[in-house]
Amino acid sequence: MFRKSGFSIAMGNSSDDVKAQASEVTDSDENEGFAKALRRFVLCQAVA
């Protein structure tokens, strides 16, 4: 699925195999990784 998407984000608490295949790694789900990824990779591009 990561290869098909072209850009992929893994959560920080994912396995090392998943993180190695992802384009970027964000914080863990316990530390608001999803929200941080949205702000960094989605919202910042909408503003630019």
C-alpha atoms as a PDB file:
ATOM      1  CA  MET A   1       0.000   0.000   0.000  1.00  0.00           C
ATOM      2  CA  PHE A   2       2.849   2.416   0.796  1.00  0.00           C
ATOM      3  CA  ARG A   3       4.400   1.852  -2.641  1.00  0.00           C
ATOM      4  CA  LYS A   4       1.081   2.510  -4.403  1.00  0.00           C
ATOM      5  CA  SER A   5       0.401   5.763  -2.548  1.00  0.00           C
ATOM      6  CA  GLY A   6       3.622   7.490  -3.581  1.00  0.00           C
ATOM      7  CA  PHE A   7       3.897   9.198  -0.177  1.00  0.00           C
ATOM      8  CA  SER A   8       3.382   7.387   3.101  1.00  0.00           C
ATOM      9  CA  ILE A   9       3.534   8.280   6.766  1.00  0.00           C
ATOM     10  CA  ALA A  10       4.130   5.720   9.507  1.00  0.00           C
ATOM     11  CA  MET A  11       3.263   6.267  13.143  1.00  0.00           C
ATOM     12  CA  GLY A  12       6.232   6.422  15.487  1.00  0.00           C
ATOM     13  CA  ASN A  13       5.111   3.324  17.348  1.00  0.00           C
ATOM     14  CA  SER A  14       4.888   1.242  14.152  1.00  0.00           C
ATOM     15  CA  SER A  15       7.203  -1.709  13.662  1.00  0.00           C
ATOM     16  CA  ASP A  16      10.668  -0.997  12.300  1.00  0.00           C
ATOM     17  CA  ASP A  17       9.710  -2.748   9.040  1.00  0.00           C
ATOM     18  CA  VAL A  18       6.766  -0.388   8.504  1.00  0.00           C
ATOM     19  CA  LYS A  19       8.817   2.694   9.367  1.00  0.00           C
ATOM     20  CA  ALA A  20      11.574   1.622   6.973  1.00  0.00           C
ATOM     21  CA  GLN A  21       9.098   1.462   4.083  1.00  0.00           C
ATOM     22  CA  ALA A  22       7.389   4.789   4.839  1.00  0.00           C
ATOM     23  CA  SER A  23       8.325   8.089   3.221  1.00  0.00           C
ATOM     24  CA  GLU A  24       8.145   9.826   6.618  1.00  0.00           C
ATOM     25  CA  VAL A  25       7.664   8.832  10.254  1.00  0.00           C
ATOM     26  CA  THR A  26       5.619  10.906  12.662  1.00  0.00           C
ATOM     27  CA  ASP A  27       5.218  10.718  16.437  1.00  0.00           C
ATOM     28  CA  SER A  28       3.382   7.860  18.139  1.00  0.00           C
ATOM     29  CA  ASP A  29      -0.392   7.767  18.383  1.00  0.00           C
ATOM     30  CA  GLU A  30      -0.087   8.451  22.119  1.00  0.00           C
ATOM     31  CA  ASN A  31       1.748  11.703  21.310  1.00  0.00           C
ATOM     32  CA  GLU A  32      -0.716  13.023  18.699  1.00  0.00           C
ATOM     33  CA  GLY A  33       1.274  11.674  15.748  1.00  0.00           C
ATOM     34  CA  PHE A  34      -1.709  11.811  13.401  1.00  0.00           C
ATOM     35  CA  ALA A  35      -2.399  15.473  14.189  1.00  0.00           C
ATOM     36  CA  LYS A  36       1.290  16.335  13.881  1.00  0.00           C
ATOM     37  CA  ALA A  37       1.483  14.644  10.485  1.00  0.00           C
ATOM     38  CA  LEU A  38      -1.600  16.500   9.260  1.00  0.00           C
ATOM     39  CA  ARG A  39      -0.144  19.837  10.340  1.00  0.00           C
ATOM     40  CA  ARG A  40       3.268  19.112   8.843  1.00  0.00           C
ATOM     41  CA  PHE A  41       2.420  17.375   5.578  1.00  0.00           C
ATOM     42  CA  VAL A  42      -1.121  18.458   4.691  1.00  0.00           C
ATOM     43  CA  LEU A  43      -1.964  21.823   6.215  1.00  0.00           C
ATOM     44  CA  CYS A  44       1.407  23.433   5.536  1.00  0.00           C
ATOM     45  CA  GLN A  45       0.977  22.636   1.825  1.00  0.00           C
ATOM     46  CA  ALA A  46      -2.530  24.112   1.811  1.00  0.00           C
ATOM     47  CA  VAL A  47      -1.168  27.426   3.100  1.00  0.00           C
ATOM     48  CA  ALA A  48       1.713  27.624   0.616  1.00  0.00           C
END
